[in-house]
Amino acid sequence: MAGDTMERDALNRLMTELRPRLHRYCARMVGSVFDGEDIVQEALAKAAEALPSAGTINKAESWLFTIAHNTALDALRRRKRRAEVPLDSDSPDWPAGTEADSWVAATASLATIMQLPVIQRSTVVLMDVLEYSLAETVEILGTTLPAVKAALHRGRVRLKALSEAGESEQPALRAEEQTRLRSYADRFNARDFDALRNLLAEDVKLDLVNRLRLAGRKDVSVYFGRYGETLDWKFAPGLAEGRPALLVSNPADTSDAVQYVVLLDWVNGRVRGIRDFRYAKYVTDGLTVTRL
């Protein structure tokens, strides 16, 4: 695929189509659905920037996943995780697993997957979660077939052992934070948007993920008006990856399933940031939530 205008449009369509799958991968690589979305945005920006000079791209999907993989690795390096194993390394002390263990990765939490070395983590996610073939995984990771096979088997066995050990409990939320979050949810559900606008800081920023970004109290205020035009939401206080969050469900859904979340940043009692995932519901895949 060359970088002319028509093919750029085709690549943009592919980016949109692959975004949920790219997010599933990146979230499991870095252990957070929220950080995973940041990495996807960064990776897609890199792909758009690289396209004019990329020459012929024979396998655009693999090309995008390679960029996402390298972007995730960059993020992990920035964290300076001293216990991390480099991409081209693998722990030799784990016995080989079997195909029967592949189901474990699909149900493992992000925190559990994060405990794998990078090469094991990336291989298991690509093959057992996203169902890429051995050949495709080798191409995306830019490594060898023996390395992928070894990492896959060892990662499966390690995940099985970790899942059997159980998950750790999420941290509790302080009473004052619970009260503030519950009050915000109650006002939202009561459609008391004027009260919510009064809580905005002058330099508030809105990230309506995968749709638009706004800054400043005046511009961000229109956000509430748009919610006022719809009826498909109900807010509840909760935790998402252990962070205070608004859990949003559809009142018409009798299961009361969480469809997406909204994160708030507070400074001196004012809302300084709103990150709303209404248009990025794929982020809930793998997200651990707790209702308060």
Protein backbone atom coordinates (compact mmCIF):
# COMPACT_ATOMS: atom_id res chain seq x y z
CA MET A 1 0.00 0.00 0.00
CA ALA A 2 1.54 3.29 -1.08
CA GLY A 3 0.79 6.60 0.57
CA ASP A 4 -1.43 8.35 -1.98
CA THR A 5 -4.72 10.05 -1.07
CA MET A 6 -7.05 7.17 -1.95
CA GLU A 7 -4.96 4.64 -0.03
CA ARG A 8 -4.69 7.00 2.93
CA ASP A 9 -8.49 6.94 3.08
CA ALA A 10 -8.40 3.15 2.99
CA LEU A 11 -5.87 3.12 5.82
CA ASN A 12 -8.05 5.49 7.85
CA ARG A 13 -10.94 3.09 7.45
CA LEU A 14 -8.72 0.20 8.53
CA MET A 15 -7.61 2.18 11.59
CA THR A 16 -11.23 2.68 12.58
CA GLU A 17 -12.03 -0.98 12.03
CA LEU A 18 -9.00 -2.25 13.94
CA ARG A 19 -9.13 0.24 16.81
CA PRO A 20 -10.96 -2.10 19.24
CA ARG A 21 -8.50 -4.93 18.50
CA LEU A 22 -5.51 -2.61 18.79
CA HIS A 23 -6.88 -1.48 22.13
CA ARG A 24 -7.30 -5.06 23.37
CA TYR A 25 -3.65 -5.65 22.60
CA CYS A 26 -2.24 -2.41 24.00
CA ALA A 27 -4.32 -2.56 27.18
CA ARG A 28 -2.98 -6.02 27.95
CA MET A 29 0.56 -4.99 27.15
CA VAL A 30 0.53 -2.09 29.63
CA GLY A 31 -2.01 -3.41 32.15
CA SER A 32 -4.59 -0.64 31.84
CA VAL A 33 -7.49 0.00 29.49
CA PHE A 34 -7.01 3.73 29.97
CA ASP A 35 -3.28 3.73 29.28
CA GLY A 36 -3.99 1.33 26.43
CA GLU A 37 -6.23 3.91 24.77
CA ASP A 38 -3.49 6.53 25.07
CA ILE A 39 -1.09 4.15 23.35
CA VAL A 40 -3.56 3.39 20.56
CA GLN A 41 -3.97 7.12 19.91
CA GLU A 42 -0.20 7.58 19.85
CA ALA A 43 0.30 4.57 17.57
CA LEU A 44 -2.33 5.71 15.06
CA ALA A 45 -0.79 9.17 14.99
CA LYS A 46 2.61 7.59 14.29
CA ALA A 47 1.11 5.49 11.50
CA ALA A 48 -0.49 8.52 9.86
CA GLU A 49 2.80 10.40 10.08
CA ALA A 50 4.82 7.48 8.71
CA LEU A 51 2.51 6.64 5.81
CA PRO A 52 3.88 9.11 3.20
CA SER A 53 7.39 7.70 3.51
CA ALA A 54 6.46 4.08 4.21
CA GLY A 55 6.55 2.96 0.60
CA THR A 56 4.61 -0.16 -0.32
CA ILE A 57 2.79 -1.72 2.65
CA ASN A 58 1.79 -5.25 1.74
CA LYS A 59 0.07 -6.15 5.00
CA ALA A 60 -1.44 -3.01 6.50
CA GLU A 61 -2.96 -4.79 9.50
CA SER A 62 0.37 -6.30 10.55
CA TRP A 63 2.06 -2.94 9.93
CA LEU A 64 -0.38 -1.20 12.28
CA PHE A 65 0.01 -3.85 14.96
CA THR A 66 3.80 -3.60 14.75
CA ILE A 67 3.57 0.16 15.32
CA ALA A 68 1.19 -0.39 18.23
CA HIS A 69 3.49 -3.04 19.69
CA ASN A 70 6.55 -0.79 19.49
CA THR A 71 4.58 2.13 20.96
CA ALA A 72 3.53 -0.07 23.88
CA LEU A 73 7.16 -1.10 24.42
CA ASP A 74 8.19 2.55 24.46
CA ALA A 75 5.56 3.22 27.12
CA LEU A 76 6.82 0.33 29.23
CA ARG A 77 10.40 1.57 28.94
CA ARG A 78 9.27 5.00 30.09
CA ARG A 79 7.87 3.44 33.22
CA LYS A 80 11.40 2.16 33.95
CA ARG A 81 10.10 -1.10 35.28
CA ARG A 82 13.23 -2.57 36.83
CA ALA A 83 11.78 -6.06 36.99
CA GLU A 84 10.81 -6.14 33.31
CA VAL A 85 12.35 -8.70 30.96
CA PRO A 86 13.49 -7.32 27.56
CA LEU A 87 11.53 -8.22 24.44
CA ASP A 88 14.21 -10.54 23.08
CA SER A 89 14.57 -12.42 26.35
CA ASP A 90 12.51 -15.21 27.84
CA SER A 91 12.66 -16.98 31.17
CA PRO A 92 14.00 -20.51 30.63
CA ASP A 93 12.63 -21.93 33.91
CA TRP A 94 8.99 -22.33 32.87
CA PRO A 95 8.00 -25.70 31.35
CA ALA A 96 6.21 -25.83 28.03
CA GLY A 97 2.44 -25.52 28.14
CA THR A 98 -0.23 -27.13 25.99
CA GLU A 99 -2.91 -25.89 23.61
CA ALA A 100 -5.47 -26.69 26.31
CA ASP A 101 -4.07 -23.81 28.38
CA SER A 102 -4.86 -21.21 25.71
CA TRP A 103 -8.28 -20.38 27.17
CA VAL A 104 -6.67 -18.90 30.29
CA ALA A 105 -5.37 -15.79 28.50
CA ALA A 106 -8.80 -14.88 27.14
CA THR A 107 -10.21 -14.69 30.67
CA ALA A 108 -7.18 -13.40 32.58
CA SER A 109 -7.31 -9.92 34.08
CA LEU A 110 -5.01 -7.17 32.86
CA ALA A 111 -3.16 -7.24 36.18
CA THR A 112 -2.49 -10.97 35.77
CA ILE A 113 -1.29 -10.64 32.18
CA MET A 114 1.02 -7.80 33.22
CA GLN A 115 3.00 -10.24 35.35
CA LEU A 116 4.30 -12.01 32.25
CA PRO A 117 7.61 -10.99 30.66
CA VAL A 118 7.04 -8.82 27.59
CA ILE A 119 7.76 -11.50 24.98
CA GLN A 120 5.39 -13.94 26.69
CA ARG A 121 2.74 -11.26 27.17
CA SER A 122 2.77 -10.03 23.59
CA THR A 123 2.76 -13.54 22.13
CA VAL A 124 -0.06 -14.83 24.35
CA VAL A 125 -2.25 -11.79 23.67
CA LEU A 126 -1.71 -11.88 19.92
CA MET A 127 -2.39 -15.61 19.62
CA ASP A 128 -4.78 -16.52 22.44
CA VAL A 129 -6.73 -13.26 22.78
CA LEU A 130 -6.67 -11.86 19.24
CA GLU A 131 -6.26 -15.26 17.52
CA TYR A 132 -3.45 -14.38 15.14
CA SER A 133 -1.50 -17.26 13.65
CA LEU A 134 2.09 -18.16 14.49
CA ALA A 135 3.28 -16.66 11.21
CA GLU A 136 1.36 -13.42 11.75
CA THR A 137 2.67 -13.14 15.31
CA VAL A 138 6.24 -13.61 14.13
CA GLU A 139 5.72 -10.86 11.55
CA ILE A 140 4.17 -8.40 13.99
CA LEU A 141 6.80 -8.92 16.68
CA GLY A 142 9.71 -9.10 14.25
CA THR A 143 11.18 -12.12 15.99
CA THR A 144 11.72 -15.82 15.18
CA LEU A 145 9.32 -18.74 15.08
CA PRO A 146 11.15 -20.68 17.84
CA ALA A 147 11.07 -17.61 20.09
CA VAL A 148 7.32 -17.18 19.58
CA LYS A 149 6.61 -20.87 20.23
CA ALA A 150 8.68 -20.87 23.42
CA ALA A 151 7.13 -17.65 24.69
CA LEU A 152 3.62 -18.89 23.94
CA HIS A 153 4.02 -22.15 25.86
CA ARG A 154 5.75 -20.57 28.84
CA GLY A 155 3.30 -17.68 28.96
CA ARG A 156 0.33 -20.06 29.01
CA VAL A 157 1.75 -22.07 31.88
CA ARG A 158 2.67 -18.95 33.82
CA LEU A 159 -0.83 -17.48 33.34
CA LYS A 160 -2.44 -20.69 34.52
CA ALA A 161 -0.33 -20.66 37.69
CA LEU A 162 -1.10 -17.00 38.32
CA SER A 163 -4.84 -17.45 37.78
CA GLU A 164 -4.89 -20.34 40.23
CA ALA A 165 -3.17 -18.13 42.81
CA GLY A 166 -6.12 -15.70 42.70
CA GLU A 167 -6.51 -11.95 42.26
CA SER A 168 -5.64 -9.28 44.81
CA GLU A 169 -8.37 -7.04 46.21
CA GLN A 170 -8.88 -3.53 44.89
CA PRO A 171 -8.03 -0.61 47.15
CA ALA A 172 -10.91 1.02 49.04
CA LEU A 173 -12.04 4.54 48.19
CA ARG A 174 -11.95 7.16 50.93
CA ALA A 175 -15.33 8.22 52.32
CA GLU A 176 -14.97 11.83 51.14
CA GLU A 177 -14.14 10.69 47.61
CA GLN A 178 -17.14 8.37 47.60
CA THR A 179 -19.39 11.22 48.72
CA ARG A 180 -18.07 13.56 46.03
CA LEU A 181 -18.44 10.95 43.31
CA ARG A 182 -21.94 9.93 44.42
CA SER A 183 -23.03 13.57 44.53
CA TYR A 184 -21.80 14.13 40.98
CA ALA A 185 -23.63 11.00 39.76
CA ASP A 186 -26.85 12.03 41.53
CA ARG A 187 -26.75 15.51 39.95
CA PHE A 188 -26.09 14.01 36.54
CA ASN A 189 -29.02 11.60 36.87
CA ALA A 190 -31.24 14.46 38.04
CA ARG A 191 -30.14 16.40 34.95
CA ASP A 192 -29.02 19.25 37.18
CA PHE A 193 -26.48 20.31 34.57
CA ASP A 194 -26.27 23.90 35.79
CA ALA A 195 -24.92 22.64 39.12
CA LEU A 196 -22.38 20.51 37.27
CA ARG A 197 -21.30 23.43 35.09
CA ASN A 198 -20.67 25.40 38.27
CA LEU A 199 -18.20 22.71 39.35
CA LEU A 200 -16.00 23.18 36.27
CA ALA A 201 -12.62 24.82 36.68
CA GLU A 202 -11.86 27.66 34.28
CA ASP A 203 -9.13 25.60 32.57
CA VAL A 204 -11.11 22.35 32.49
CA LYS A 205 -10.33 19.91 29.66
CA LEU A 206 -12.74 17.45 28.07
CA ASP A 207 -11.65 14.31 26.22
CA LEU A 208 -14.65 12.69 24.58
CA VAL A 209 -12.49 9.76 23.59
CA ASN A 210 -12.48 8.85 19.89
CA ARG A 211 -14.67 11.88 19.10
CA LEU A 212 -13.42 15.32 20.19
CA ARG A 213 -11.46 17.36 22.71
CA LEU A 214 -12.41 20.71 24.20
CA ALA A 215 -10.72 23.05 26.67
CA GLY A 216 -11.98 25.90 28.81
CA ARG A 217 -15.12 26.19 30.90
CA LYS A 218 -17.19 27.90 28.22
CA ASP A 219 -16.57 25.29 25.52
CA VAL A 220 -16.74 22.29 27.84
CA SER A 221 -20.11 23.43 29.21
CA VAL A 222 -21.83 22.28 25.99
CA TYR A 223 -20.90 18.70 26.96
CA PHE A 224 -23.76 18.56 29.47
CA GLY A 225 -26.27 19.87 26.96
CA ARG A 226 -25.53 16.97 24.65
CA TYR A 227 -26.27 14.51 27.43
CA GLY A 228 -29.50 16.39 28.04
CA GLU A 229 -30.64 15.45 24.53
CA THR A 230 -30.42 11.69 25.15
CA LEU A 231 -32.05 9.16 27.49
CA ASP A 232 -29.74 6.16 27.11
CA TRP A 233 -27.60 6.69 30.20
CA LYS A 234 -27.61 6.30 33.98
CA PHE A 235 -24.58 7.23 36.08
CA ALA A 236 -23.41 5.36 39.17
CA PRO A 237 -20.33 5.85 41.36
CA GLY A 238 -17.72 3.13 41.28
CA LEU A 239 -14.15 2.09 40.72
CA ALA A 240 -12.54 1.31 37.37
CA GLU A 241 -9.09 -0.27 37.64
CA GLY A 242 -9.19 0.91 41.24
CA ARG A 243 -9.75 4.54 40.19
CA PRO A 244 -12.81 6.62 41.10
CA ALA A 245 -15.13 6.51 38.10
CA LEU A 246 -18.67 7.04 36.93
CA LEU A 247 -20.08 3.77 35.64
CA VAL A 248 -22.61 4.35 32.88
CA SER A 249 -25.38 1.90 32.00
CA ASN A 250 -28.48 2.08 29.82
CA PRO A 251 -31.74 2.29 31.83
CA ALA A 252 -33.43 0.18 29.15
CA ASP A 253 -30.96 -2.67 29.76
CA THR A 254 -32.37 -4.88 32.50
CA SER A 255 -28.94 -6.42 33.13
CA ASP A 256 -27.64 -2.99 34.22
CA ALA A 257 -24.33 -3.80 32.52
CA VAL A 258 -21.68 -1.10 32.47
CA GLN A 259 -21.48 0.18 28.89
CA TYR A 260 -18.75 2.75 29.41
CA VAL A 261 -17.11 4.90 32.07
CA VAL A 262 -16.32 8.54 32.75
CA LEU A 263 -13.22 9.63 34.67
CA LEU A 264 -12.96 12.94 36.51
CA ASP A 265 -9.91 14.86 37.71
CA TRP A 266 -10.52 17.20 40.64
CA VAL A 267 -8.43 20.16 41.81
CA ASN A 268 -9.48 22.17 44.87
CA GLY A 269 -13.05 20.95 44.65
CA ARG A 270 -13.38 21.77 40.95
CA VAL A 271 -13.52 19.44 37.97
CA ARG A 272 -10.26 19.94 36.08
CA GLY A 273 -10.63 17.10 33.60
CA ILE A 274 -13.35 14.90 32.11
CA ARG A 275 -12.50 11.77 30.18
CA ASP A 276 -15.66 10.26 28.74
CA PHE A 277 -15.56 6.89 26.89
CA ARG A 278 -19.10 7.06 25.43
CA TYR A 279 -17.69 6.73 21.90
CA ALA A 280 -15.00 4.22 22.87
CA LYS A 281 -17.05 1.49 24.51
CA TYR A 282 -14.47 -1.10 23.47
CA VAL A 283 -12.44 0.16 26.43
CA THR A 284 -14.68 -1.84 28.78
CA ASP A 285 -13.20 -5.06 27.38
CA GLY A 286 -10.96 -6.26 30.19
CA LEU A 287 -11.92 -3.39 32.49
CA THR A 288 -12.33 -4.29 36.17
CA VAL A 289 -15.16 -2.28 37.75
CA THR A 290 -16.67 -2.19 41.22
CA ARG A 291 -19.91 -0.48 42.14
CA LEU A 292 -19.97 1.61 45.31
